[in-house]
C-alpha atoms as a PDB file:
ATOM      1  CA  MET A   1      51.437 126.446 160.916  1.00  0.00           C
ATOM      2  CA  ILE A   2      54.260 128.960 160.437  1.00  0.00           C
ATOM      3  CA  LEU A   3      55.214 131.450 163.135  1.00  0.00           C
ATOM      4  CA  TYR A   4      56.632 134.812 162.115  1.00  0.00           C
ATOM      5  CA  ASN A   5      58.203 136.091 165.332  1.00  0.00           C
ATOM      6  CA  VAL A   6      59.373 139.672 165.760  1.00  0.00           C
ATOM      7  CA  THR A   7      61.478 140.265 168.867  1.00  0.00           C
ATOM      8  CA  VAL A   8      61.682 143.941 169.788  1.00  0.00           C
ATOM      9  CA  ASN A   9      63.753 145.604 172.482  1.00  0.00           C
ATOM     10  CA  ILE A  10      62.291 149.050 173.121  1.00  0.00           C
ATOM     11  CA  GLU A  11      63.680 151.827 175.328  1.00  0.00           C
ATOM     12  CA  ALA A  12      61.920 151.851 178.698  1.00  0.00           C
ATOM     13  CA  GLU A  13      60.999 155.554 178.396  1.00  0.00           C
ATOM     14  CA  ILE A  14      58.723 154.908 175.423  1.00  0.00           C
ATOM     15  CA  GLU A  15      57.457 151.442 176.362  1.00  0.00           C
ATOM     16  CA  ALA A  16      53.898 152.560 177.228  1.00  0.00           C
ATOM     17  CA  ASP A  17      53.518 154.544 173.991  1.00  0.00           C
ATOM     18  CA  TRP A  18      55.006 151.704 171.913  1.00  0.00           C
ATOM     19  CA  LEU A  19      52.783 149.076 173.519  1.00  0.00           C
ATOM     20  CA  HIS A  20      49.656 151.170 172.986  1.00  0.00           C
ATOM     21  CA  TRP A  21      50.576 151.838 169.345  1.00  0.00           C
ATOM     22  CA  MET A  22      51.356 148.178 168.707  1.00  0.00           C
ATOM     23  CA  LYS A  23      48.051 146.995 170.152  1.00  0.00           C
ATOM     24  CA  SER A  24      45.843 149.715 168.667  1.00  0.00           C
ATOM     25  CA  LYS A  25      47.506 150.315 165.275  1.00  0.00           C
ATOM     26  CA  HIS A  26      50.389 148.127 164.141  1.00  0.00           C
ATOM     27  CA  ILE A  27      49.184 144.641 165.037  1.00  0.00           C
ATOM     28  CA  PRO A  28      45.669 145.284 163.660  1.00  0.00           C
ATOM     29  CA  ASP A  29      47.263 146.614 160.443  1.00  0.00           C
ATOM     30  CA  VAL A  30      49.405 143.477 160.100  1.00  0.00           C
ATOM     31  CA  LEU A  31      46.409 141.215 160.696  1.00  0.00           C
ATOM     32  CA  SER A  32      44.262 143.159 158.225  1.00  0.00           C
ATOM     33  CA  THR A  33      46.632 142.140 155.420  1.00  0.00           C
ATOM     34  CA  GLY A  34      44.961 138.713 155.487  1.00  0.00           C
ATOM     35  CA  TYR A  35      48.224 136.760 155.586  1.00  0.00           C
ATOM     36  CA  PHE A  36      47.936 135.776 159.261  1.00  0.00           C
ATOM     37  CA  VAL A  37      45.252 133.898 161.173  1.00  0.00           C
ATOM     38  CA  GLU A  38      46.275 134.767 164.738  1.00  0.00           C
ATOM     39  CA  ASN A  39      48.743 136.743 166.800  1.00  0.00           C
ATOM     40  CA  LYS A  40      50.136 136.793 170.325  1.00  0.00           C
ATOM     41  CA  LEU A  41      52.176 139.353 172.225  1.00  0.00           C
ATOM     42  CA  PHE A  42      54.557 138.423 175.041  1.00  0.00           C
ATOM     43  CA  LYS A  43      56.856 140.442 177.284  1.00  0.00           C
ATOM     44  CA  LEU A  44      60.173 138.934 178.301  1.00  0.00           C
ATOM     45  CA  LEU A  45      60.183 138.752 182.095  1.00  0.00           C
ATOM     46  CA  HIS A  46      63.829 138.170 182.892  1.00  0.00           C
ATOM     47  CA  GLU A  47      66.434 140.177 181.046  1.00  0.00           C
ATOM     48  CA  PRO A  48      69.459 140.987 183.202  1.00  0.00           C
ATOM     49  CA  GLU A  49      71.894 141.850 180.382  1.00  0.00           C
ATOM     50  CA  ASN A  50      69.821 144.085 178.113  1.00  0.00           C
ATOM     51  CA  PRO A  51      68.550 147.588 178.813  1.00  0.00           C
ATOM     52  CA  GLY A  52      65.005 148.428 177.849  1.00  0.00           C
ATOM     53  CA  CYS A  53      62.023 146.113 177.556  1.00  0.00           C
ATOM     54  CA  THR A  54      61.799 143.139 175.211  1.00  0.00           C
ATOM     55  CA  TYR A  55      58.667 141.804 173.547  1.00  0.00           C
ATOM     56  CA  SER A  56      57.903 138.890 171.260  1.00  0.00           C
ATOM     57  CA  VAL A  57      55.243 139.762 168.700  1.00  0.00           C
ATOM     58  CA  GLN A  58      54.014 136.526 167.147  1.00  0.00           C
ATOM     59  CA  TYR A  59      52.023 136.187 163.945  1.00  0.00           C
ATOM     60  CA  PHE A  60      50.712 132.798 162.823  1.00  0.00           C
ATOM     61  CA  ALA A  61      50.223 131.902 159.154  1.00  0.00           C
ATOM     62  CA  ARG A  62      48.941 128.732 157.534  1.00  0.00           C
ATOM     63  CA  THR A  63      51.674 128.432 154.903  1.00  0.00           C
ATOM     64  CA  ILE A  64      55.119 129.672 153.976  1.00  0.00           C
ATOM     65  CA  GLN A  65      53.506 131.189 150.885  1.00  0.00           C
ATOM     66  CA  ASP A  66      51.449 133.433 153.170  1.00  0.00           C
ATOM     67  CA  ILE A  67      54.639 134.534 154.949  1.00  0.00           C
ATOM     68  CA  ASN A  68      56.393 135.202 151.646  1.00  0.00           C
ATOM     69  CA  GLY A  69      53.393 137.189 150.410  1.00  0.00           C
ATOM     70  CA  TYR A  70      53.439 139.303 153.540  1.00  0.00           C
ATOM     71  CA  LEU A  71      57.196 139.864 153.388  1.00  0.00           C
ATOM     72  CA  GLN A  72      57.060 140.877 149.736  1.00  0.00           C
ATOM     73  CA  ASN A  73      53.837 142.885 149.632  1.00  0.00           C
ATOM     74  CA  GLU A  74      53.242 144.383 153.073  1.00  0.00           C
ATOM     75  CA  ALA A  75      56.256 144.159 155.399  1.00  0.00           C
ATOM     76  CA  PRO A  76      58.303 147.011 153.883  1.00  0.00           C
ATOM     77  CA  ARG A  77      55.472 149.509 154.391  1.00  0.00           C
ATOM     78  CA  LEU A  78      54.523 148.331 157.888  1.00  0.00           C
ATOM     79  CA  GLN A  79      58.120 148.070 159.088  1.00  0.00           C
ATOM     80  CA  GLY A  80      58.715 151.531 157.649  1.00  0.00           C
ATOM     81  CA  GLU A  81      55.858 152.956 159.720  1.00  0.00           C
ATOM     82  CA  HIS A  82      57.411 151.433 162.847  1.00  0.00           C
ATOM     83  CA  LEU A  83      60.833 152.846 161.975  1.00  0.00           C
ATOM     84  CA  ASP A  84      59.385 156.295 161.198  1.00  0.00           C
ATOM     85  CA  ARG A  85      57.618 156.403 164.554  1.00  0.00           C
ATOM     86  CA  TYR A  86      60.364 155.007 166.820  1.00  0.00           C
ATOM     87  CA  GLY A  87      63.599 155.614 164.922  1.00  0.00           C
ATOM     88  CA  ARG A  88      66.625 154.454 166.885  1.00  0.00           C
ATOM     89  CA  GLN A  89      64.687 153.780 170.094  1.00  0.00           C
ATOM     90  CA  PHE A  90      64.348 150.071 169.379  1.00  0.00           C
ATOM     91  CA  VAL A  91      66.151 147.028 168.042  1.00  0.00           C
ATOM     92  CA  ALA A  92      64.252 144.240 166.289  1.00  0.00           C
ATOM     93  CA  PHE A  93      64.992 140.891 164.745  1.00  0.00           C
ATOM     94  CA  ARG A  94      62.726 138.466 162.974  1.00  0.00           C
ATOM     95  CA  THR A  95      62.581 134.668 162.902  1.00  0.00           C
ATOM     96  CA  LEU A  96      60.454 132.092 161.128  1.00  0.00           C
ATOM     97  CA  LEU A  97      59.484 128.895 162.925  1.00  0.00           C
ATOM     98  CA  GLN A  98      57.547 125.897 161.686  1.00  0.00           C
ATOM     99  CA  GLU A  99      55.267 123.935 163.962  1.00  0.00           C
ATOM    100  CA  VAL A 100      56.453 120.374 164.525  1.00  0.00           C
ATOM    101  CA  LYS A 101      53.800 117.725 165.092  1.00  0.00           C
END
């Protein structure tokens, strides 16, 4: 299992709108690409040094090929929609993790 993790720090003033949009539009759009089998959404509880609100949006794929397919074929469009909607009101970074058994 491969985890594609997107950590997003969003300005507090737009948190409710962002969270609603993520849950009702963006995450379903990512999952509908067929590259991921599951997702989870977490909010960071303790963040004394950063302003805003930080979330971990986790997408689980079976293989690295699925991740590469998503990154090549779908990510630019979906990330662009996020950028168009929220502009400079967020900071995001992405990581890939492999499950260790």
